[in-house]
């Protein structure tokens, strides 16, 4: 479902601020794989997601989704294949629009735009049923402005919007990092329910090692723009945080520098 082959990305090339973010990284995901991604600050995790989404162009390499070469496609053309949830709950929704209107925008993702506007009763019923899955009572508030919702409610809504039209690939970029622990757990439980229940292919960046081990069926660890550890299946299920720290030290030749990951 996803083929990333030998991609390179260097920012500020030829300057004193040159940063080699990705160094010939390759990653293949099969349909239905739920992959968690961990690594220290500057490891290239978010850069990888941005390269796939088309936020920045790659320097070299190949990116395919569902057998389609999207390496040089602009970000808006990739939207038909990709759903994405960002770290900031404010980024995935339009605060001044109603819940219903936000869902209507998501429902039309990848379609040709026309001057027609309106939500049919059939659509409205679909949105209501989807909102019920969240168990947040939003199905009875469909005409409320999204800006009135809490951060957790907005992130749950963003997750629903990203998967309303089933994407070939779902990108989750530390999508619970800005939430309090209780709300973060609620959103993660919803994530697992939606991804596993709909057999979605997903790539989830997280700084929480316990979440990385608990969720998904495959885990990759990144360091300095490369994948240094890739584990799946039963071996992943048996992992502990101490195992990941040891693997990092073994592969990188140094201690894990990211205090947030150790603390979490």
C-alpha atoms as a PDB file:
ATOM      1  CA  UNK A   1       0.000   0.000   0.000  1.00  0.00           C
ATOM      2  CA  UNK A   2       2.956   2.314   0.671  1.00  0.00           C
ATOM      3  CA  UNK A   3       6.371   2.099  -0.956  1.00  0.00           C
ATOM      4  CA  UNK A   4       9.037   4.572   0.104  1.00  0.00           C
ATOM      5  CA  UNK A   5      12.267   3.759  -1.717  1.00  0.00           C
ATOM      6  CA  UNK A   6      15.635   5.412  -1.037  1.00  0.00           C
ATOM      7  CA  UNK A   7      14.316   8.896  -0.301  1.00  0.00           C
ATOM      8  CA  UNK A   8      16.672  11.714   0.592  1.00  0.00           C
ATOM      9  CA  UNK A   9      15.917  15.151   1.993  1.00  0.00           C
ATOM     10  CA  UNK A  10      18.363  17.885   2.968  1.00  0.00           C
ATOM     11  CA  UNK A  11      17.172  21.245   4.243  1.00  0.00           C
ATOM     12  CA  UNK A  12      19.164  24.468   3.701  1.00  0.00           C
ATOM     13  CA  UNK A  13      21.613  22.659   1.446  1.00  0.00           C
ATOM     14  CA  UNK A  14      25.002  24.334   1.091  1.00  0.00           C
ATOM     15  CA  UNK A  15      24.510  26.648   4.074  1.00  0.00           C
ATOM     16  CA  UNK A  16      25.775  26.645   7.650  1.00  0.00           C
ATOM     17  CA  UNK A  17      22.304  25.392   8.673  1.00  0.00           C
ATOM     18  CA  UNK A  18      22.363  22.361   6.366  1.00  0.00           C
ATOM     19  CA  UNK A  19      20.417  19.463   7.840  1.00  0.00           C
ATOM     20  CA  UNK A  20      20.271  15.987   6.322  1.00  0.00           C
ATOM     21  CA  UNK A  21      16.818  14.932   7.457  1.00  0.00           C
ATOM     22  CA  UNK A  22      16.398  11.677   5.485  1.00  0.00           C
ATOM     23  CA  UNK A  23      19.293   9.569   4.247  1.00  0.00           C
ATOM     24  CA  UNK A  24      18.213   6.978   1.697  1.00  0.00           C
ATOM     25  CA  UNK A  25      15.260   5.781   3.773  1.00  0.00           C
ATOM     26  CA  UNK A  26      13.174   2.861   2.490  1.00  0.00           C
ATOM     27  CA  UNK A  27       9.909   1.599   3.971  1.00  0.00           C
ATOM     28  CA  UNK A  28       7.192  -0.699   2.606  1.00  0.00           C
ATOM     29  CA  UNK A  29       3.742  -1.072   4.216  1.00  0.00           C
ATOM     30  CA  UNK A  30       1.311  -3.832   3.348  1.00  0.00           C
ATOM     31  CA  UNK A  31      -2.469  -3.196   3.285  1.00  0.00           C
ATOM     32  CA  UNK A  32      -3.864  -3.110   6.824  1.00  0.00           C
ATOM     33  CA  UNK A  33      -0.522  -2.575   8.564  1.00  0.00           C
ATOM     34  CA  UNK A  34      -0.650  -0.221  11.540  1.00  0.00           C
ATOM     35  CA  UNK A  35       2.916   0.989  12.073  1.00  0.00           C
ATOM     36  CA  UNK A  36       4.095   3.088  15.013  1.00  0.00           C
ATOM     37  CA  UNK A  37       7.187   5.265  14.557  1.00  0.00           C
ATOM     38  CA  UNK A  38       9.485   6.369  17.376  1.00  0.00           C
ATOM     39  CA  UNK A  39      12.824   8.152  17.589  1.00  0.00           C
ATOM     40  CA  UNK A  40      14.569  11.090  19.217  1.00  0.00           C
ATOM     41  CA  UNK A  41      14.203  14.743  18.246  1.00  0.00           C
ATOM     42  CA  UNK A  42      15.556  15.322  14.748  1.00  0.00           C
ATOM     43  CA  UNK A  43      15.346  11.626  13.832  1.00  0.00           C
ATOM     44  CA  UNK A  44      13.277  12.448  10.730  1.00  0.00           C
ATOM     45  CA  UNK A  45       9.883  11.122  11.863  1.00  0.00           C
ATOM     46  CA  UNK A  46       7.758  14.136  10.971  1.00  0.00           C
ATOM     47  CA  UNK A  47       9.890  14.801   7.887  1.00  0.00           C
ATOM     48  CA  UNK A  48       9.034  11.318   6.650  1.00  0.00           C
ATOM     49  CA  UNK A  49       5.307  12.014   7.032  1.00  0.00           C
ATOM     50  CA  UNK A  50       5.697  15.413   5.346  1.00  0.00           C
ATOM     51  CA  UNK A  51       7.517  13.822   2.399  1.00  0.00           C
ATOM     52  CA  UNK A  52       4.742  11.263   1.967  1.00  0.00           C
ATOM     53  CA  UNK A  53       2.046  13.944   2.242  1.00  0.00           C
ATOM     54  CA  UNK A  54       3.829  16.233  -0.221  1.00  0.00           C
ATOM     55  CA  UNK A  55       4.432  19.142   2.153  1.00  0.00           C
ATOM     56  CA  UNK A  56       8.049  19.249   0.934  1.00  0.00           C
ATOM     57  CA  UNK A  57       9.477  17.771  -2.268  1.00  0.00           C
ATOM     58  CA  UNK A  58      11.917  14.888  -1.940  1.00  0.00           C
ATOM     59  CA  UNK A  59      15.464  15.373  -3.242  1.00  0.00           C
ATOM     60  CA  UNK A  60      15.746  11.839  -4.600  1.00  0.00           C
ATOM     61  CA  UNK A  61      13.852   8.583  -4.375  1.00  0.00           C
ATOM     62  CA  UNK A  62      10.397   7.144  -5.010  1.00  0.00           C
ATOM     63  CA  UNK A  63       7.076   7.225  -3.151  1.00  0.00           C
ATOM     64  CA  UNK A  64       4.136   5.067  -4.245  1.00  0.00           C
ATOM     65  CA  UNK A  65       0.696   4.653  -2.682  1.00  0.00           C
ATOM     66  CA  UNK A  66      -1.407   1.757  -3.907  1.00  0.00           C
ATOM     67  CA  UNK A  67       0.948   1.315  -6.856  1.00  0.00           C
ATOM     68  CA  UNK A  68       0.615   4.972  -7.947  1.00  0.00           C
ATOM     69  CA  UNK A  69       3.829   7.015  -8.166  1.00  0.00           C
ATOM     70  CA  UNK A  70       3.137  10.219  -6.189  1.00  0.00           C
ATOM     71  CA  UNK A  71       6.784  11.285  -5.837  1.00  0.00           C
ATOM     72  CA  UNK A  72       6.295  14.528  -7.766  1.00  0.00           C
ATOM     73  CA  UNK A  73       2.593  15.130  -7.169  1.00  0.00           C
ATOM     74  CA  UNK A  74       1.659  18.316  -5.260  1.00  0.00           C
ATOM     75  CA  UNK A  75       0.122  18.035  -1.811  1.00  0.00           C
ATOM     76  CA  UNK A  76      -3.470  18.725  -2.924  1.00  0.00           C
ATOM     77  CA  UNK A  77      -3.395  15.880  -5.458  1.00  0.00           C
ATOM     78  CA  UNK A  78      -2.203  13.420  -2.830  1.00  0.00           C
ATOM     79  CA  UNK A  79      -5.203  14.287  -0.652  1.00  0.00           C
ATOM     80  CA  UNK A  80      -7.310  11.740  -2.538  1.00  0.00           C
ATOM     81  CA  UNK A  81      -5.071   8.961  -1.167  1.00  0.00           C
ATOM     82  CA  UNK A  82      -4.079  10.283   2.253  1.00  0.00           C
ATOM     83  CA  UNK A  83      -5.838  11.132   5.499  1.00  0.00           C
ATOM     84  CA  UNK A  84      -3.832  13.036   8.103  1.00  0.00           C
ATOM     85  CA  UNK A  85      -4.170  14.108  11.742  1.00  0.00           C
ATOM     86  CA  UNK A  86      -1.692  16.671  13.099  1.00  0.00           C
ATOM     87  CA  UNK A  87      -0.285  17.265  16.568  1.00  0.00           C
ATOM     88  CA  UNK A  88      -2.148  20.559  16.923  1.00  0.00           C
ATOM     89  CA  UNK A  89      -5.917  19.937  17.392  1.00  0.00           C
ATOM     90  CA  UNK A  90      -6.588  23.330  15.799  1.00  0.00           C
ATOM     91  CA  UNK A  91      -5.075  22.410  12.422  1.00  0.00           C
ATOM     92  CA  UNK A  92      -7.444  19.708  11.234  1.00  0.00           C
ATOM     93  CA  UNK A  93     -10.745  21.578  11.432  1.00  0.00           C
ATOM     94  CA  UNK A  94     -12.278  24.934  10.474  1.00  0.00           C
ATOM     95  CA  UNK A  95     -13.180  26.628  13.770  1.00  0.00           C
ATOM     96  CA  UNK A  96     -15.712  29.059  12.285  1.00  0.00           C
ATOM     97  CA  UNK A  97     -17.719  26.329  10.584  1.00  0.00           C
ATOM     98  CA  UNK A  98     -20.246  23.895  12.035  1.00  0.00           C
ATOM     99  CA  UNK A  99     -19.433  20.253  12.779  1.00  0.00           C
ATOM    100  CA  UNK A 100     -21.718  19.250   9.918  1.00  0.00           C
ATOM    101  CA  UNK A 101     -19.952  21.624   7.513  1.00  0.00           C
ATOM    102  CA  UNK A 102     -16.523  20.325   8.493  1.00  0.00           C
ATOM    103  CA  UNK A 103     -17.665  16.773   7.834  1.00  0.00           C
ATOM    104  CA  UNK A 104     -19.085  17.841   4.468  1.00  0.00           C
ATOM    105  CA  UNK A 105     -15.687  19.253   3.473  1.00  0.00           C
ATOM    106  CA  UNK A 106     -14.006  15.989   4.447  1.00  0.00           C
ATOM    107  CA  UNK A 107     -16.652  13.976   2.592  1.00  0.00           C
ATOM    108  CA  UNK A 108     -15.809  15.862  -0.607  1.00  0.00           C
ATOM    109  CA  UNK A 109     -12.043  15.448  -0.301  1.00  0.00           C
ATOM    110  CA  UNK A 110     -10.502  14.659  -3.665  1.00  0.00           C
ATOM    111  CA  UNK A 111     -13.694  15.483  -5.575  1.00  0.00           C
ATOM    112  CA  UNK A 112     -14.003  18.224  -8.184  1.00  0.00           C
ATOM    113  CA  UNK A 113     -15.255  21.482  -6.683  1.00  0.00           C
ATOM    114  CA  UNK A 114     -18.459  23.046  -7.985  1.00  0.00           C
ATOM    115  CA  UNK A 115     -20.565  26.065  -7.069  1.00  0.00           C
ATOM    116  CA  UNK A 116     -23.188  23.789  -5.552  1.00  0.00           C
ATOM    117  CA  UNK A 117     -23.315  23.595  -1.773  1.00  0.00           C
ATOM    118  CA  UNK A 118     -25.610  21.788   0.541  1.00  0.00           C
ATOM    119  CA  UNK A 119     -25.787  18.801   2.829  1.00  0.00           C
ATOM    120  CA  UNK A 120     -28.404  16.229   1.877  1.00  0.00           C
ATOM    121  CA  UNK A 121     -30.481  14.394   4.454  1.00  0.00           C
ATOM    122  CA  UNK A 122     -28.723  11.183   3.446  1.00  0.00           C
ATOM    123  CA  UNK A 123     -25.345  12.754   4.166  1.00  0.00           C
ATOM    124  CA  UNK A 124     -26.582  14.186   7.452  1.00  0.00           C
ATOM    125  CA  UNK A 125     -27.659  10.730   8.602  1.00  0.00           C
ATOM    126  CA  UNK A 126     -24.248   9.318   7.636  1.00  0.00           C
ATOM    127  CA  UNK A 127     -22.480  12.033   9.662  1.00  0.00           C
ATOM    128  CA  UNK A 128     -24.719  11.356  12.647  1.00  0.00           C
ATOM    129  CA  UNK A 129     -23.908   7.640  12.610  1.00  0.00           C
ATOM    130  CA  UNK A 130     -20.191   8.305  12.283  1.00  0.00           C
ATOM    131  CA  UNK A 131     -20.240  10.792  15.161  1.00  0.00           C
ATOM    132  CA  UNK A 132     -21.981   8.242  17.375  1.00  0.00           C
ATOM    133  CA  UNK A 133     -18.871   6.060  17.083  1.00  0.00           C
ATOM    134  CA  UNK A 134     -16.882   8.729  18.932  1.00  0.00           C
ATOM    135  CA  UNK A 135     -19.216   8.477  21.943  1.00  0.00           C
ATOM    136  CA  UNK A 136     -18.744  12.180  22.691  1.00  0.00           C
ATOM    137  CA  UNK A 137     -22.319  13.345  22.141  1.00  0.00           C
ATOM    138  CA  UNK A 138     -21.374  15.325  19.034  1.00  0.00           C
ATOM    139  CA  UNK A 139     -24.123  13.695  16.980  1.00  0.00           C
ATOM    140  CA  UNK A 140     -26.607  15.945  18.815  1.00  0.00           C
ATOM    141  CA  UNK A 141     -24.478  19.061  18.233  1.00  0.00           C
ATOM    142  CA  UNK A 142     -23.961  18.937  14.492  1.00  0.00           C
ATOM    143  CA  UNK A 143     -24.829  22.621  14.072  1.00  0.00           C
ATOM    144  CA  UNK A 144     -22.374  23.768  16.759  1.00  0.00           C
ATOM    145  CA  UNK A 145     -19.298  25.714  15.687  1.00  0.00           C
ATOM    146  CA  UNK A 146     -16.172  23.565  15.909  1.00  0.00           C
ATOM    147  CA  UNK A 147     -14.368  26.402  17.696  1.00  0.00           C
ATOM    148  CA  UNK A 148     -16.583  25.741  20.731  1.00  0.00           C
ATOM    149  CA  UNK A 149     -15.283  22.176  21.138  1.00  0.00           C
ATOM    150  CA  UNK A 150     -12.492  21.099  23.468  1.00  0.00           C
ATOM    151  CA  UNK A 151      -9.093  20.092  22.082  1.00  0.00           C
ATOM    152  CA  UNK A 152      -9.874  16.412  22.555  1.00  0.00           C
ATOM    153  CA  UNK A 153     -13.243  16.712  20.837  1.00  0.00           C
ATOM    154  CA  UNK A 154     -11.651  18.548  17.916  1.00  0.00           C
ATOM    155  CA  UNK A 155      -8.931  15.934  17.571  1.00  0.00           C
ATOM    156  CA  UNK A 156     -11.489  13.127  17.632  1.00  0.00           C
ATOM    157  CA  UNK A 157     -13.479  14.999  14.968  1.00  0.00           C
ATOM    158  CA  UNK A 158     -10.319  15.474  12.891  1.00  0.00           C
ATOM    159  CA  UNK A 159      -9.644  11.734  13.120  1.00  0.00           C
ATOM    160  CA  UNK A 160     -13.180  11.033  11.913  1.00  0.00           C
ATOM    161  CA  UNK A 161     -12.797  13.546   9.067  1.00  0.00           C
ATOM    162  CA  UNK A 162      -9.489  11.995   7.986  1.00  0.00           C
ATOM    163  CA  UNK A 163     -11.129   8.571   7.671  1.00  0.00           C
ATOM    164  CA  UNK A 164     -14.650   9.562   6.550  1.00  0.00           C
ATOM    165  CA  UNK A 165     -13.696   8.703   2.976  1.00  0.00           C
ATOM    166  CA  UNK A 166     -11.474   5.696   3.576  1.00  0.00           C
ATOM    167  CA  UNK A 167      -7.908   6.754   2.722  1.00  0.00           C
ATOM    168  CA  UNK A 168      -5.340   4.410   1.255  1.00  0.00           C
ATOM    169  CA  UNK A 169      -2.965   5.675   3.946  1.00  0.00           C
ATOM    170  CA  UNK A 170      -3.597   7.385   7.294  1.00  0.00           C
ATOM    171  CA  UNK A 171      -0.813   9.584   8.713  1.00  0.00           C
ATOM    172  CA  UNK A 172      -0.909  10.352  12.443  1.00  0.00           C
ATOM    173  CA  UNK A 173       1.745  12.865  13.503  1.00  0.00           C
ATOM    174  CA  UNK A 174       1.905  12.785  17.324  1.00  0.00           C
ATOM    175  CA  UNK A 175      -1.813  13.449  17.257  1.00  0.00           C
ATOM    176  CA  UNK A 176      -2.270  13.101  21.038  1.00  0.00           C
ATOM    177  CA  UNK A 177       0.872  14.975  22.190  1.00  0.00           C
ATOM    178  CA  UNK A 178      -1.013  18.225  22.901  1.00  0.00           C
ATOM    179  CA  UNK A 179      -3.765  16.525  24.928  1.00  0.00           C
ATOM    180  CA  UNK A 180      -3.934  15.722  28.637  1.00  0.00           C
ATOM    181  CA  UNK A 181      -3.304  12.019  29.495  1.00  0.00           C
ATOM    182  CA  UNK A 182      -6.969  11.081  29.949  1.00  0.00           C
ATOM    183  CA  UNK A 183      -8.075  12.742  26.723  1.00  0.00           C
ATOM    184  CA  UNK A 184      -5.054  11.351  24.880  1.00  0.00           C
ATOM    185  CA  UNK A 185      -6.051   7.813  25.902  1.00  0.00           C
ATOM    186  CA  UNK A 186      -9.602   8.403  24.649  1.00  0.00           C
ATOM    187  CA  UNK A 187      -8.335   9.596  21.256  1.00  0.00           C
ATOM    188  CA  UNK A 188      -5.846   6.705  21.030  1.00  0.00           C
ATOM    189  CA  UNK A 189      -8.576   4.175  21.823  1.00  0.00           C
ATOM    190  CA  UNK A 190     -10.700   5.741  19.062  1.00  0.00           C
ATOM    191  CA  UNK A 191      -7.719   5.604  16.727  1.00  0.00           C
ATOM    192  CA  UNK A 192      -7.245   1.902  17.325  1.00  0.00           C
ATOM    193  CA  UNK A 193     -10.979   1.253  16.917  1.00  0.00           C
ATOM    194  CA  UNK A 194     -11.168   3.104  13.591  1.00  0.00           C
ATOM    195  CA  UNK A 195      -7.873   1.848  12.118  1.00  0.00           C
ATOM    196  CA  UNK A 196      -8.297  -1.799  13.092  1.00  0.00           C
ATOM    197  CA  UNK A 197     -12.069  -1.854  12.542  1.00  0.00           C
ATOM    198  CA  UNK A 198     -11.741  -0.510   8.997  1.00  0.00           C
ATOM    199  CA  UNK A 199      -8.521  -2.373   8.176  1.00  0.00           C
ATOM    200  CA  UNK A 200      -6.742   0.892   7.372  1.00  0.00           C
ATOM    201  CA  UNK A 201      -3.059   1.216   6.564  1.00  0.00           C
ATOM    202  CA  UNK A 202      -1.636   3.689   9.070  1.00  0.00           C
ATOM    203  CA  UNK A 203       1.653   5.298  10.050  1.00  0.00           C
ATOM    204  CA  UNK A 204       1.633   6.816  13.553  1.00  0.00           C
ATOM    205  CA  UNK A 205       4.471   8.927  14.954  1.00  0.00           C
ATOM    206  CA  UNK A 206       4.579   8.993  18.750  1.00  0.00           C
ATOM    207  CA  UNK A 207       6.960   9.957  21.548  1.00  0.00           C
ATOM    208  CA  UNK A 208       5.296   7.551  23.946  1.00  0.00           C
ATOM    209  CA  UNK A 209       7.100   4.209  23.917  1.00  0.00           C
ATOM    210  CA  UNK A 210       4.326   2.399  25.764  1.00  0.00           C
ATOM    211  CA  UNK A 211       1.790   3.529  23.158  1.00  0.00           C
ATOM    212  CA  UNK A 212       4.185   2.543  20.359  1.00  0.00           C
ATOM    213  CA  UNK A 213       4.422  -0.972  21.804  1.00  0.00           C
ATOM    214  CA  UNK A 214       0.726  -1.331  22.675  1.00  0.00           C
ATOM    215  CA  UNK A 215      -0.734  -0.055  19.421  1.00  0.00           C
ATOM    216  CA  UNK A 216      -0.319  -1.401  15.918  1.00  0.00           C
ATOM    217  CA  UNK A 217       1.209  -4.590  14.553  1.00  0.00           C
ATOM    218  CA  UNK A 218       4.618  -3.171  13.611  1.00  0.00           C
ATOM    219  CA  UNK A 219       7.089  -0.709  15.129  1.00  0.00           C
ATOM    220  CA  UNK A 220       9.982   1.142  13.541  1.00  0.00           C
ATOM    221  CA  UNK A 221      12.643   3.234  15.242  1.00  0.00           C
ATOM    222  CA  UNK A 222      14.363   6.092  13.433  1.00  0.00           C
ATOM    223  CA  UNK A 223      17.687   7.813  14.056  1.00  0.00           C
ATOM    224  CA  UNK A 224      19.403  10.494  11.951  1.00  0.00           C
ATOM    225  CA  UNK A 225      17.101  10.032   8.973  1.00  0.00           C
ATOM    226  CA  UNK A 226      17.273   6.243   8.816  1.00  0.00           C
ATOM    227  CA  UNK A 227      15.361   3.263  10.165  1.00  0.00           C
ATOM    228  CA  UNK A 228      17.540   1.501  12.723  1.00  0.00           C
ATOM    229  CA  UNK A 229      15.024  -1.031  14.078  1.00  0.00           C
ATOM    230  CA  UNK A 230      11.948  -2.683  12.547  1.00  0.00           C
ATOM    231  CA  UNK A 231       9.907  -5.212  14.508  1.00  0.00           C
ATOM    232  CA  UNK A 232       6.482  -6.800  14.017  1.00  0.00           C
ATOM    233  CA  UNK A 233       4.165  -9.594  15.128  1.00  0.00           C
ATOM    234  CA  UNK A 234       4.821 -11.613  18.263  1.00  0.00           C
ATOM    235  CA  UNK A 235       8.268 -10.109  18.750  1.00  0.00           C
ATOM    236  CA  UNK A 236       6.715  -6.648  18.986  1.00  0.00           C
ATOM    237  CA  UNK A 237       4.102  -7.819  21.485  1.00  0.00           C
ATOM    238  CA  UNK A 238       6.837  -9.035  23.820  1.00  0.00           C
ATOM    239  CA  UNK A 239       8.724  -5.726  23.844  1.00  0.00           C
ATOM    240  CA  UNK A 240       9.249  -3.509  26.888  1.00  0.00           C
ATOM    241  CA  UNK A 241      10.385   0.111  27.045  1.00  0.00           C
ATOM    242  CA  UNK A 242      13.757  -1.069  28.364  1.00  0.00           C
ATOM    243  CA  UNK A 243      14.162  -3.224  25.237  1.00  0.00           C
ATOM    244  CA  UNK A 244      13.637  -0.202  22.986  1.00  0.00           C
ATOM    245  CA  UNK A 245      16.138   1.880  24.931  1.00  0.00           C
ATOM    246  CA  UNK A 246      18.683  -0.928  24.651  1.00  0.00           C
ATOM    247  CA  UNK A 247      18.044  -1.293  20.918  1.00  0.00           C
ATOM    248  CA  UNK A 248      18.563   2.410  20.413  1.00  0.00           C
ATOM    249  CA  UNK A 249      21.836   2.435  22.328  1.00  0.00           C
ATOM    250  CA  UNK A 250      22.998  -0.607  20.381  1.00  0.00           C
ATOM    251  CA  UNK A 251      22.114   0.855  16.988  1.00  0.00           C
ATOM    252  CA  UNK A 252      23.105   4.472  17.579  1.00  0.00           C
ATOM    253  CA  UNK A 253      26.123   3.966  19.802  1.00  0.00           C
ATOM    254  CA  UNK A 254      24.767   6.394  22.372  1.00  0.00           C
ATOM    255  CA  UNK A 255      22.127   6.918  25.022  1.00  0.00           C
ATOM    256  CA  UNK A 256      18.593   7.945  24.229  1.00  0.00           C
ATOM    257  CA  UNK A 257      18.737  11.723  24.374  1.00  0.00           C
ATOM    258  CA  UNK A 258      15.031  12.460  24.292  1.00  0.00           C
ATOM    259  CA  UNK A 259      13.826  12.908  27.881  1.00  0.00           C
ATOM    260  CA  UNK A 260      10.193  12.995  26.778  1.00  0.00           C
ATOM    261  CA  UNK A 261      10.399   9.447  25.457  1.00  0.00           C
ATOM    262  CA  UNK A 262      12.119   8.158  28.599  1.00  0.00           C
ATOM    263  CA  UNK A 263       9.605   9.856  30.882  1.00  0.00           C
ATOM    264  CA  UNK A 264       6.648   8.589  28.887  1.00  0.00           C
END
